């Protein structure tokens, strides 16, 4: 990351914190948070070799522990199937992204479609502005991997599934480490970036429930598992 971009990131932190704080105090949805110690079972799926190049920022390129986080919302009364919901998010992530916190700008690939190899820059008022690439696309899920210049190193997956009782479950699942020592300070020590990310993905889940035509049931479940840095060194199979 260039000095100029890093300075811009830090200058935008106060605005990001204010937005996060405002949305936190006005949120009425129940949140169920847990934090536990993780292990090898929390490591992410491998990235296909043809989706990796010199611009990829893999998990093993990061600093410090990895955080495996799941944000889940149960949706009742949805007018979409799981596949339709995932496809709608894939076609335009900004349908679900809270515009006050994040905007997905497509920098490679056809607008309105999502394929492996497509790229985005996620623009945020806090320290999470960064480039990502689509590394997996399935019938009801897609996964993004970080690229050089991102303050994180890792992957994030968006998925939907039918629960078997007529409801849907929408989930955002992230496997991430700080991209460098400055990011580690913001994320692990000061917890600023962690809370900005937390706010973003909670609202992403709630927005997905809203445009599915249904409503959230039981609030949003957030699970965080911290994985020691030593287990991340060979996570990418390199």
Foldseek 3Di string as FASTA:
>chain_A
DDPVVVVQQVVLLVLLLVVLVVCVVPDDFDEAEDEAADELVLFDDAFPPVLDDPFFQALLLFDWWKKKKKKKWKWAPFPDALLVLQLVCQLAVVLQWDVQAWHWAWDADDHRHADFQTKTFIDGSHQQTAIWTWRDDDSFKTKIAGTPPGQKGWMKMWGKHDPPPRMMMTMIITIIHGNDDVSCCCCVPVNSVVSSVVSRVQSSRQSSSVVSVTGTDPGMYMYIHIYGSVSRNCSNVD
